[in-house]
Amino acid sequence: MTDTARYNTVAMALHWIMALAIISLIVVGKVMSDLSNSDPLKFELYQMHKSAGLTILALAVFRILWRLLHRPPALPVTMKPWERFAAGFTHLAFYVLMIAIPLTGWAMASTSSSGVPTLWFGLFEVPALPGLSGSEEMHDIHEASEEAHEILANLTILLLLLHVGAALKHHFWNRDDVLKRMLPFVRSGNKAT
């Protein structure tokens, strides 16, 4: 008997690594924005935040390509049409946010008046987004990017709560395998003979 209702190992690894990274980045983002500019920890947190954000951008692109090439397991037939729509919309929204949030952060860094370069984990300098460096509208772009970055991060928090709540509902209320098929060390009950 083989397990047919599970995500593959790569999809599971990407899901959990990115989930932990995104949650960490949201927490760090909230903490660092509350620090005073004179606090030396603020600079370190900003550099780490930018490096991790750019890493998430690269992982998101890889994850989208992986998803396009590898069909996910089918949703349970017991799910109502509105639940299927909500699941699809939530996943699509996560993919959009995983691209848009790092891009708005990169735009902020590219248009910052501080002149501080982005050093990817201290290894190399990340160039500014093409077309933004030296732009006459740099201040306006910076302000718009900063506002969008914060709004999108807050939307991610809401989406995460919805996603976790739905997974727990499926596990404890519906008692189906929706959550189990994404857990790396748990087997789902759907088997093929």
N, C-alpha and C. Protein backbone atom coordinates (compact mmCIF):
# COMPACT_ATOMS: atom_id res chain seq x y z
N MET A 1 0.85 -1.19 0.00
CA MET A 1 0.00 0.00 0.00
C MET A 1 0.89 1.24 0.00
N THR A 2 0.58 2.17 -0.87
CA THR A 2 1.34 3.41 -0.92
C THR A 2 0.46 4.59 -0.55
N ASP A 3 1.11 5.61 -0.03
CA ASP A 3 0.41 6.81 0.41
C ASP A 3 0.15 7.69 -0.80
N THR A 4 -1.10 8.06 -1.06
CA THR A 4 -1.42 8.85 -2.25
C THR A 4 -1.84 10.28 -1.94
N ALA A 5 -2.07 10.61 -0.69
CA ALA A 5 -2.64 11.92 -0.36
C ALA A 5 -1.64 12.83 0.30
N ARG A 6 -0.36 12.66 -0.01
CA ARG A 6 0.66 13.47 0.65
C ARG A 6 1.40 14.37 -0.34
N TYR A 7 1.85 15.51 0.16
CA TYR A 7 2.74 16.34 -0.62
C TYR A 7 4.09 15.65 -0.69
N ASN A 8 4.87 15.95 -1.72
CA ASN A 8 6.19 15.33 -1.81
C ASN A 8 7.15 16.02 -0.83
N THR A 9 8.29 15.42 -0.64
CA THR A 9 9.27 15.88 0.35
C THR A 9 9.72 17.32 0.09
N VAL A 10 9.96 17.66 -1.17
CA VAL A 10 10.41 19.01 -1.50
C VAL A 10 9.33 20.03 -1.15
N ALA A 11 8.09 19.74 -1.50
CA ALA A 11 6.99 20.66 -1.19
C ALA A 11 6.84 20.84 0.32
N MET A 12 6.95 19.75 1.07
CA MET A 12 6.84 19.85 2.53
C MET A 12 7.99 20.68 3.11
N ALA A 13 9.20 20.42 2.64
CA ALA A 13 10.37 21.16 3.15
C ALA A 13 10.23 22.65 2.85
N LEU A 14 9.83 22.98 1.63
CA LEU A 14 9.65 24.39 1.27
C LEU A 14 8.56 25.03 2.13
N HIS A 15 7.46 24.32 2.33
CA HIS A 15 6.36 24.85 3.13
C HIS A 15 6.83 25.20 4.54
N TRP A 16 7.47 24.26 5.22
CA TRP A 16 7.82 24.48 6.62
C TRP A 16 9.00 25.44 6.80
N ILE A 17 9.99 25.36 5.93
CA ILE A 17 11.12 26.30 6.01
C ILE A 17 10.63 27.72 5.78
N MET A 18 9.80 27.90 4.75
CA MET A 18 9.31 29.24 4.45
C MET A 18 8.33 29.74 5.51
N ALA A 19 7.51 28.85 6.05
CA ALA A 19 6.58 29.26 7.10
C ALA A 19 7.34 29.78 8.32
N LEU A 20 8.35 29.04 8.74
CA LEU A 20 9.15 29.49 9.90
C LEU A 20 9.89 30.78 9.60
N ALA A 21 10.44 30.88 8.39
CA ALA A 21 11.17 32.10 8.01
C ALA A 21 10.24 33.31 7.95
N ILE A 22 9.07 33.14 7.38
CA ILE A 22 8.13 34.26 7.25
C ILE A 22 7.65 34.72 8.63
N ILE A 23 7.30 33.77 9.49
CA ILE A 23 6.87 34.14 10.84
C ILE A 23 8.00 34.86 11.58
N SER A 24 9.23 34.35 11.45
CA SER A 24 10.38 35.00 12.08
C SER A 24 10.59 36.41 11.55
N LEU A 25 10.46 36.57 10.24
CA LEU A 25 10.65 37.90 9.65
C LEU A 25 9.58 38.89 10.10
N ILE A 26 8.36 38.42 10.27
CA ILE A 26 7.31 39.31 10.75
C ILE A 26 7.62 39.76 12.18
N VAL A 27 8.03 38.81 13.02
CA VAL A 27 8.37 39.16 14.41
C VAL A 27 9.56 40.12 14.44
N VAL A 28 10.60 39.80 13.70
CA VAL A 28 11.79 40.68 13.67
C VAL A 28 11.42 42.05 13.11
N GLY A 29 10.58 42.07 12.08
CA GLY A 29 10.16 43.35 11.50
C GLY A 29 9.45 44.23 12.51
N LYS A 30 8.56 43.63 13.30
CA LYS A 30 7.84 44.39 14.33
C LYS A 30 8.80 44.88 15.40
N VAL A 31 9.75 44.03 15.81
CA VAL A 31 10.72 44.41 16.86
C VAL A 31 11.63 45.52 16.37
N MET A 32 12.21 45.35 15.19
CA MET A 32 13.21 46.32 14.73
C MET A 32 12.60 47.69 14.45
N SER A 33 11.33 47.71 14.04
CA SER A 33 10.72 49.01 13.77
C SER A 33 10.46 49.79 15.06
N ASP A 34 10.39 49.08 16.18
CA ASP A 34 10.19 49.75 17.47
C ASP A 34 11.48 50.19 18.14
N LEU A 35 12.64 49.75 17.62
CA LEU A 35 13.92 50.14 18.21
C LEU A 35 14.28 51.56 17.80
N SER A 36 15.00 52.24 18.67
CA SER A 36 15.46 53.60 18.33
C SER A 36 16.59 53.51 17.33
N ASN A 37 16.77 54.56 16.53
CA ASN A 37 17.83 54.57 15.52
C ASN A 37 19.22 54.50 16.14
N SER A 38 19.35 54.87 17.41
CA SER A 38 20.65 54.82 18.06
C SER A 38 21.01 53.42 18.58
N ASP A 39 20.05 52.51 18.58
CA ASP A 39 20.30 51.15 19.06
C ASP A 39 21.09 50.39 18.01
N PRO A 40 22.31 49.90 18.34
CA PRO A 40 23.12 49.18 17.34
C PRO A 40 22.47 47.89 16.86
N LEU A 41 21.59 47.32 17.66
CA LEU A 41 20.90 46.10 17.25
C LEU A 41 20.00 46.34 16.05
N LYS A 42 19.51 47.57 15.92
CA LYS A 42 18.59 47.89 14.83
C LYS A 42 19.25 47.67 13.47
N PHE A 43 20.50 48.13 13.31
CA PHE A 43 21.21 47.96 12.04
C PHE A 43 21.39 46.48 11.73
N GLU A 44 21.81 45.70 12.73
CA GLU A 44 22.02 44.26 12.53
C GLU A 44 20.72 43.55 12.14
N LEU A 45 19.64 43.91 12.83
CA LEU A 45 18.35 43.29 12.52
C LEU A 45 17.88 43.65 11.12
N TYR A 46 18.09 44.91 10.71
CA TYR A 46 17.69 45.32 9.36
C TYR A 46 18.46 44.54 8.30
N GLN A 47 19.76 44.39 8.50
CA GLN A 47 20.57 43.64 7.52
C GLN A 47 20.12 42.18 7.45
N MET A 48 19.87 41.57 8.62
CA MET A 48 19.41 40.18 8.65
C MET A 48 18.03 40.07 8.00
N HIS A 49 17.16 41.01 8.32
CA HIS A 49 15.80 41.02 7.78
C HIS A 49 15.83 41.12 6.25
N LYS A 50 16.66 42.01 5.72
CA LYS A 50 16.76 42.17 4.27
C LYS A 50 17.33 40.91 3.62
N SER A 51 18.36 40.33 4.23
CA SER A 51 18.97 39.11 3.68
C SER A 51 17.97 37.96 3.66
N ALA A 52 17.27 37.77 4.76
CA ALA A 52 16.29 36.69 4.84
C ALA A 52 15.13 36.94 3.88
N GLY A 53 14.71 38.19 3.76
CA GLY A 53 13.62 38.52 2.83
C GLY A 53 13.98 38.20 1.39
N LEU A 54 15.22 38.52 0.99
CA LEU A 54 15.66 38.20 -0.38
C LEU A 54 15.77 36.70 -0.58
N THR A 55 16.15 35.99 0.48
CA THR A 55 16.20 34.53 0.40
C THR A 55 14.80 33.96 0.21
N ILE A 56 13.84 34.51 0.93
CA ILE A 56 12.45 34.06 0.77
C ILE A 56 11.97 34.35 -0.66
N LEU A 57 12.37 35.47 -1.22
CA LEU A 57 11.98 35.78 -2.60
C LEU A 57 12.49 34.69 -3.55
N ALA A 58 13.76 34.30 -3.39
CA ALA A 58 14.33 33.25 -4.25
C ALA A 58 13.61 31.91 -4.02
N LEU A 59 13.36 31.58 -2.75
CA LEU A 59 12.65 30.34 -2.44
C LEU A 59 11.23 30.36 -2.98
N ALA A 60 10.59 31.52 -2.95
CA ALA A 60 9.21 31.63 -3.45
C ALA A 60 9.17 31.36 -4.95
N VAL A 61 10.13 31.91 -5.67
CA VAL A 61 10.19 31.66 -7.12
C VAL A 61 10.38 30.17 -7.37
N PHE A 62 11.31 29.55 -6.63
CA PHE A 62 11.54 28.11 -6.76
C PHE A 62 10.28 27.33 -6.41
N ARG A 63 9.63 27.75 -5.33
CA ARG A 63 8.42 27.05 -4.87
C ARG A 63 7.30 27.13 -5.91
N ILE A 64 7.14 28.28 -6.53
CA ILE A 64 6.10 28.43 -7.57
C ILE A 64 6.43 27.53 -8.76
N LEU A 65 7.69 27.51 -9.17
CA LEU A 65 8.08 26.64 -10.28
C LEU A 65 7.85 25.17 -9.92
N TRP A 66 8.21 24.80 -8.69
CA TRP A 66 8.00 23.43 -8.24
C TRP A 66 6.50 23.08 -8.29
N ARG A 67 5.68 23.98 -7.82
CA ARG A 67 4.23 23.75 -7.78
C ARG A 67 3.67 23.60 -9.19
N LEU A 68 4.18 24.40 -10.13
CA LEU A 68 3.70 24.30 -11.51
C LEU A 68 4.07 22.96 -12.15
N LEU A 69 5.19 22.38 -11.72
CA LEU A 69 5.67 21.14 -12.30
C LEU A 69 5.23 19.89 -11.54
N HIS A 70 4.72 20.06 -10.32
CA HIS A 70 4.31 18.92 -9.49
C HIS A 70 2.91 19.17 -8.94
N ARG A 71 1.99 18.36 -9.40
CA ARG A 71 0.58 18.51 -8.98
C ARG A 71 0.44 18.18 -7.50
N PRO A 72 -0.23 19.05 -6.74
CA PRO A 72 -0.47 18.74 -5.32
C PRO A 72 -1.54 17.66 -5.19
N PRO A 73 -1.59 17.01 -4.03
CA PRO A 73 -2.64 16.01 -3.83
C PRO A 73 -4.03 16.65 -3.93
N ALA A 74 -4.98 15.86 -4.39
CA ALA A 74 -6.35 16.35 -4.54
C ALA A 74 -6.96 16.65 -3.17
N LEU A 75 -7.82 17.64 -3.14
CA LEU A 75 -8.54 17.96 -1.91
C LEU A 75 -9.57 16.86 -1.64
N PRO A 76 -9.93 16.67 -0.38
CA PRO A 76 -10.94 15.65 -0.07
C PRO A 76 -12.25 15.93 -0.81
N VAL A 77 -12.89 14.87 -1.28
CA VAL A 77 -14.15 15.02 -2.01
C VAL A 77 -15.27 15.55 -1.11
N THR A 78 -15.08 15.46 0.19
CA THR A 78 -16.09 15.94 1.14
C THR A 78 -16.09 17.45 1.30
N MET A 79 -15.07 18.13 0.75
CA MET A 79 -15.00 19.58 0.89
C MET A 79 -16.08 20.25 0.05
N LYS A 80 -16.71 21.26 0.63
CA LYS A 80 -17.74 22.03 -0.07
C LYS A 80 -17.08 22.94 -1.11
N PRO A 81 -17.84 23.35 -2.13
CA PRO A 81 -17.26 24.22 -3.16
C PRO A 81 -16.65 25.51 -2.58
N TRP A 82 -17.30 26.13 -1.60
CA TRP A 82 -16.75 27.36 -1.04
C TRP A 82 -15.44 27.08 -0.30
N GLU A 83 -15.30 25.89 0.29
CA GLU A 83 -14.04 25.52 0.96
C GLU A 83 -12.93 25.33 -0.06
N ARG A 84 -13.27 24.72 -1.17
CA ARG A 84 -12.27 24.54 -2.24
C ARG A 84 -11.81 25.89 -2.79
N PHE A 85 -12.78 26.79 -2.99
CA PHE A 85 -12.45 28.13 -3.46
C PHE A 85 -11.55 28.84 -2.45
N ALA A 86 -11.93 28.76 -1.16
CA ALA A 86 -11.15 29.42 -0.11
C ALA A 86 -9.73 28.86 -0.04
N ALA A 87 -9.59 27.55 -0.18
CA ALA A 87 -8.26 26.93 -0.15
C ALA A 87 -7.41 27.42 -1.33
N GLY A 88 -8.00 27.44 -2.52
CA GLY A 88 -7.27 27.90 -3.69
C GLY A 88 -6.90 29.37 -3.60
N PHE A 89 -7.86 30.18 -3.13
CA PHE A 89 -7.60 31.62 -2.99
C PHE A 89 -6.50 31.88 -1.96
N THR A 90 -6.55 31.15 -0.84
CA THR A 90 -5.54 31.33 0.21
C THR A 90 -4.15 30.99 -0.31
N HIS A 91 -4.04 29.87 -1.02
CA HIS A 91 -2.73 29.49 -1.56
C HIS A 91 -2.22 30.52 -2.57
N LEU A 92 -3.11 30.97 -3.45
CA LEU A 92 -2.72 31.98 -4.42
C LEU A 92 -2.28 33.27 -3.72
N ALA A 93 -3.03 33.68 -2.69
CA ALA A 93 -2.68 34.89 -1.93
C ALA A 93 -1.31 34.75 -1.27
N PHE A 94 -1.00 33.56 -0.73
CA PHE A 94 0.31 33.34 -0.13
C PHE A 94 1.42 33.50 -1.17
N TYR A 95 1.22 32.94 -2.37
CA TYR A 95 2.24 33.05 -3.41
C TYR A 95 2.45 34.52 -3.81
N VAL A 96 1.37 35.26 -3.95
CA VAL A 96 1.48 36.69 -4.29
C VAL A 96 2.25 37.43 -3.19
N LEU A 97 1.90 37.17 -1.93
CA LEU A 97 2.56 37.85 -0.82
C LEU A 97 4.03 37.46 -0.70
N MET A 98 4.36 36.19 -0.96
CA MET A 98 5.75 35.74 -0.87
C MET A 98 6.64 36.42 -1.91
N ILE A 99 6.03 36.92 -2.97
CA ILE A 99 6.78 37.68 -3.98
C ILE A 99 6.71 39.18 -3.68
N ALA A 100 5.51 39.68 -3.40
CA ALA A 100 5.30 41.12 -3.24
C ALA A 100 6.00 41.70 -2.01
N ILE A 101 5.98 40.99 -0.90
CA ILE A 101 6.59 41.55 0.32
C ILE A 101 8.10 41.73 0.16
N PRO A 102 8.84 40.70 -0.29
CA PRO A 102 10.28 40.94 -0.50
C PRO A 102 10.56 42.02 -1.55
N LEU A 103 9.74 42.08 -2.61
CA LEU A 103 9.97 43.11 -3.63
C LEU A 103 9.75 44.51 -3.08
N THR A 104 8.72 44.69 -2.23
CA THR A 104 8.53 46.02 -1.64
C THR A 104 9.65 46.36 -0.66
N GLY A 105 10.14 45.34 0.04
CA GLY A 105 11.29 45.57 0.92
C GLY A 105 12.54 45.93 0.14
N TRP A 106 12.76 45.25 -0.97
CA TRP A 106 13.91 45.54 -1.83
C TRP A 106 13.78 46.94 -2.43
N ALA A 107 12.56 47.32 -2.79
CA ALA A 107 12.33 48.67 -3.30
C ALA A 107 12.63 49.70 -2.22
N MET A 108 12.25 49.41 -0.98
CA MET A 108 12.56 50.33 0.13
C MET A 108 14.07 50.50 0.27
N ALA A 109 14.79 49.38 0.27
CA ALA A 109 16.24 49.43 0.41
C ALA A 109 16.89 50.15 -0.77
N SER A 110 16.31 49.96 -1.96
CA SER A 110 16.87 50.57 -3.17
C SER A 110 16.67 52.07 -3.23
N THR A 111 15.66 52.57 -2.52
CA THR A 111 15.34 54.00 -2.58
C THR A 111 15.60 54.72 -1.25
N SER A 112 16.25 54.03 -0.33
CA SER A 112 16.53 54.63 0.97
C SER A 112 17.54 55.77 0.84
N SER A 113 17.30 56.84 1.57
CA SER A 113 18.22 57.99 1.54
C SER A 113 19.43 57.75 2.45
N SER A 114 19.42 56.65 3.21
CA SER A 114 20.53 56.39 4.15
C SER A 114 21.81 56.01 3.43
N GLY A 115 21.70 55.46 2.24
CA GLY A 115 22.89 55.05 1.50
C GLY A 115 23.53 53.79 2.04
N VAL A 116 22.87 53.10 2.96
CA VAL A 116 23.42 51.86 3.53
C VAL A 116 23.16 50.73 2.55
N PRO A 117 24.21 50.02 2.11
CA PRO A 117 24.00 48.93 1.16
C PRO A 117 23.34 47.72 1.84
N THR A 118 22.71 46.90 1.03
CA THR A 118 22.18 45.64 1.53
C THR A 118 23.25 44.58 1.31
N LEU A 119 23.71 44.00 2.40
CA LEU A 119 24.73 42.95 2.33
C LEU A 119 24.06 41.63 2.66
N TRP A 120 24.00 40.72 1.66
CA TRP A 120 23.32 39.45 1.87
C TRP A 120 24.13 38.60 2.83
N PHE A 121 23.64 38.54 4.07
CA PHE A 121 24.29 37.82 5.18
C PHE A 121 25.78 38.15 5.25
N GLY A 122 26.13 39.40 4.90
CA GLY A 122 27.51 39.87 4.99
C GLY A 122 28.44 39.33 3.92
N LEU A 123 27.90 38.60 2.95
CA LEU A 123 28.74 37.95 1.95
C LEU A 123 28.96 38.79 0.70
N PHE A 124 27.92 39.47 0.23
CA PHE A 124 28.06 40.31 -0.96
C PHE A 124 26.97 41.37 -0.94
N GLU A 125 27.23 42.44 -1.70
CA GLU A 125 26.26 43.54 -1.77
C GLU A 125 25.19 43.23 -2.81
N VAL A 126 23.94 43.44 -2.42
CA VAL A 126 22.82 43.23 -3.33
C VAL A 126 22.57 44.56 -4.05
N PRO A 127 22.52 44.54 -5.37
CA PRO A 127 22.28 45.80 -6.09
C PRO A 127 20.86 46.30 -5.88
N ALA A 128 20.68 47.57 -6.17
CA ALA A 128 19.33 48.15 -6.11
C ALA A 128 18.48 47.54 -7.22
N LEU A 129 17.18 47.56 -7.01
CA LEU A 129 16.27 47.12 -8.06
C LEU A 129 16.48 47.99 -9.30
N PRO A 130 16.54 47.39 -10.46
CA PRO A 130 16.76 48.18 -11.68
C PRO A 130 15.72 49.28 -11.85
N GLY A 131 16.21 50.46 -12.19
CA GLY A 131 15.33 51.59 -12.46
C GLY A 131 14.98 52.43 -11.24
N LEU A 132 15.32 51.97 -10.03
CA LEU A 132 14.95 52.73 -8.85
C LEU A 132 16.08 53.60 -8.32
N SER A 133 17.29 53.14 -8.45
CA SER A 133 18.42 53.91 -7.94
C SER A 133 18.61 55.17 -8.76
N GLY A 134 18.68 56.29 -8.09
CA GLY A 134 18.87 57.56 -8.78
C GLY A 134 17.60 58.14 -9.37
N SER A 135 16.48 57.52 -9.14
CA SER A 135 15.22 58.01 -9.67
C SER A 135 14.83 59.32 -8.98
N GLU A 136 14.22 60.21 -9.74
CA GLU A 136 13.79 61.49 -9.19
C GLU A 136 12.67 61.31 -8.17
N GLU A 137 11.91 60.24 -8.32
CA GLU A 137 10.78 59.98 -7.42
C GLU A 137 11.17 59.03 -6.29
N MET A 138 12.47 58.96 -5.96
CA MET A 138 12.94 57.98 -4.97
C MET A 138 12.21 58.11 -3.63
N HIS A 139 12.03 59.33 -3.16
CA HIS A 139 11.38 59.51 -1.87
C HIS A 139 9.94 59.00 -1.90
N ASP A 140 9.21 59.34 -2.98
CA ASP A 140 7.82 58.89 -3.09
C ASP A 140 7.74 57.37 -3.21
N ILE A 141 8.66 56.80 -4.00
CA ILE A 141 8.69 55.34 -4.16
C ILE A 141 9.01 54.68 -2.83
N HIS A 142 9.96 55.26 -2.10
CA HIS A 142 10.34 54.71 -0.79
C HIS A 142 9.15 54.71 0.17
N GLU A 143 8.45 55.83 0.23
CA GLU A 143 7.29 55.94 1.13
C GLU A 143 6.19 54.94 0.74
N ALA A 144 5.91 54.84 -0.56
CA ALA A 144 4.87 53.92 -1.02
C ALA A 144 5.28 52.47 -0.75
N SER A 145 6.55 52.15 -0.98
CA SER A 145 7.04 50.79 -0.74
C SER A 145 6.98 50.44 0.74
N GLU A 146 7.34 51.40 1.58
CA GLU A 146 7.32 51.17 3.02
C GLU A 146 5.89 50.90 3.51
N GLU A 147 4.95 51.68 3.01
CA GLU A 147 3.56 51.49 3.41
C GLU A 147 3.02 50.16 2.90
N ALA A 148 3.33 49.84 1.65
CA ALA A 148 2.87 48.57 1.07
C ALA A 148 3.47 47.38 1.81
N HIS A 149 4.76 47.49 2.16
CA HIS A 149 5.45 46.41 2.87
C HIS A 149 4.77 46.11 4.20
N GLU A 150 4.43 47.15 4.92
CA GLU A 150 3.78 46.97 6.22
C GLU A 150 2.36 46.41 6.07
N ILE A 151 1.61 46.95 5.12
CA ILE A 151 0.24 46.47 4.90
C ILE A 151 0.25 45.00 4.49
N LEU A 152 1.14 44.65 3.57
CA LEU A 152 1.21 43.26 3.11
C LEU A 152 1.65 42.31 4.22
N ALA A 153 2.57 42.77 5.07
CA ALA A 153 2.99 41.94 6.22
C ALA A 153 1.81 41.71 7.16
N ASN A 154 1.02 42.74 7.40
CA ASN A 154 -0.16 42.58 8.27
C ASN A 154 -1.20 41.67 7.63
N LEU A 155 -1.36 41.76 6.31
CA LEU A 155 -2.27 40.83 5.62
C LEU A 155 -1.76 39.39 5.74
N THR A 156 -0.45 39.22 5.72
CA THR A 156 0.13 37.89 5.87
C THR A 156 -0.20 37.31 7.24
N ILE A 157 -0.17 38.14 8.27
CA ILE A 157 -0.52 37.67 9.61
C ILE A 157 -1.96 37.15 9.61
N LEU A 158 -2.87 37.91 9.01
CA LEU A 158 -4.27 37.48 8.95
C LEU A 158 -4.42 36.19 8.14
N LEU A 159 -3.71 36.12 7.03
CA LEU A 159 -3.79 34.93 6.18
C LEU A 159 -3.21 33.71 6.90
N LEU A 160 -2.11 33.91 7.64
CA LEU A 160 -1.53 32.81 8.42
C LEU A 160 -2.52 32.29 9.45
N LEU A 161 -3.19 33.20 10.14
CA LEU A 161 -4.18 32.79 11.14
C LEU A 161 -5.32 32.00 10.48
N LEU A 162 -5.77 32.47 9.32
CA LEU A 162 -6.82 31.77 8.59
C LEU A 162 -6.34 30.38 8.15
N HIS A 163 -5.13 30.30 7.64
CA HIS A 163 -4.55 29.06 7.14
C HIS A 163 -4.40 28.03 8.27
N VAL A 164 -3.83 28.47 9.38
CA VAL A 164 -3.64 27.57 10.53
C VAL A 164 -5.00 27.15 11.10
N GLY A 165 -5.92 28.10 11.19
CA GLY A 165 -7.26 27.78 11.68
C GLY A 165 -7.95 26.76 10.80
N ALA A 166 -7.83 26.91 9.48
CA ALA A 166 -8.45 25.96 8.55
C ALA A 166 -7.82 24.57 8.69
N ALA A 167 -6.49 24.53 8.82
CA ALA A 167 -5.81 23.24 8.97
C ALA A 167 -6.25 22.53 10.24
N LEU A 168 -6.36 23.29 11.33
CA LEU A 168 -6.81 22.71 12.59
C LEU A 168 -8.27 22.26 12.52
N LYS A 169 -9.10 23.05 11.82
CA LYS A 169 -10.51 22.66 11.63
C LYS A 169 -10.58 21.32 10.90
N HIS A 170 -9.79 21.19 9.83
CA HIS A 170 -9.79 19.94 9.07
C HIS A 170 -9.35 18.77 9.95
N HIS A 171 -8.36 19.01 10.80
CA HIS A 171 -7.82 17.92 11.61
C HIS A 171 -8.75 17.53 12.75
N PHE A 172 -9.25 18.51 13.49
CA PHE A 172 -10.02 18.22 14.70
C PHE A 172 -11.53 18.15 14.47
N TRP A 173 -12.06 18.94 13.54
CA TRP A 173 -13.51 18.98 13.31
C TRP A 173 -13.91 17.99 12.22
N ASN A 174 -13.27 18.15 11.05
CA ASN A 174 -13.61 17.29 9.92
C ASN A 174 -12.98 15.90 10.03
N ARG A 175 -11.88 15.83 10.78
CA ARG A 175 -11.13 14.58 10.95
C ARG A 175 -10.70 13.97 9.61
N ASP A 176 -10.25 14.86 8.70
CA ASP A 176 -9.72 14.36 7.43
C ASP A 176 -8.19 14.49 7.44
N ASP A 177 -7.56 14.21 6.31
CA ASP A 177 -6.10 14.17 6.24
C ASP A 177 -5.45 15.43 5.67
N VAL A 178 -6.20 16.52 5.59
CA VAL A 178 -5.66 17.75 4.99
C VAL A 178 -4.40 18.21 5.71
N LEU A 179 -4.39 18.24 7.02
CA LEU A 179 -3.21 18.66 7.78
C LEU A 179 -2.12 17.59 7.71
N LYS A 180 -2.49 16.34 7.89
CA LYS A 180 -1.50 15.26 7.94
C LYS A 180 -0.67 15.15 6.67
N ARG A 181 -1.27 15.46 5.53
CA ARG A 181 -0.52 15.29 4.28
C ARG A 181 0.60 16.30 4.11
N MET A 182 0.63 17.35 4.96
CA MET A 182 1.73 18.31 4.91
C MET A 182 2.70 18.13 6.09
N LEU A 183 2.40 17.22 7.00
CA LEU A 183 3.29 16.97 8.13
C LEU A 183 4.32 15.93 7.74
N PRO A 184 5.62 16.25 7.86
CA PRO A 184 6.66 15.37 7.35
C PRO A 184 6.78 14.02 8.06
N PHE A 185 6.42 13.93 9.33
CA PHE A 185 6.65 12.69 10.07
C PHE A 185 5.36 11.96 10.44
N VAL A 186 4.26 12.31 9.76
CA VAL A 186 2.97 11.70 10.04
C VAL A 186 2.42 11.15 8.74
N ARG A 187 1.85 9.99 8.81
CA ARG A 187 1.25 9.38 7.62
C ARG A 187 -0.23 9.69 7.58
N SER A 188 -0.73 10.02 6.39
CA SER A 188 -2.18 10.22 6.24
C SER A 188 -2.84 8.88 6.06
N GLY A 189 -4.16 8.87 6.22
CA GLY A 189 -4.88 7.62 6.16
C GLY A 189 -5.29 7.18 4.77
N ASN A 190 -5.16 8.07 3.78
CA ASN A 190 -5.60 7.71 2.42
C ASN A 190 -4.55 6.84 1.76
N LYS A 191 -4.91 5.62 1.50
CA LYS A 191 -3.97 4.67 0.91
C LYS A 191 -4.54 4.12 -0.39
N ALA A 192 -3.64 3.75 -1.26
CA ALA A 192 -4.07 3.08 -2.50
C ALA A 192 -3.71 1.61 -2.38
N THR A 193 -4.51 0.77 -2.95
CA THR A 193 -4.21 -0.67 -2.87
C THR A 193 -3.47 -1.14 -4.09
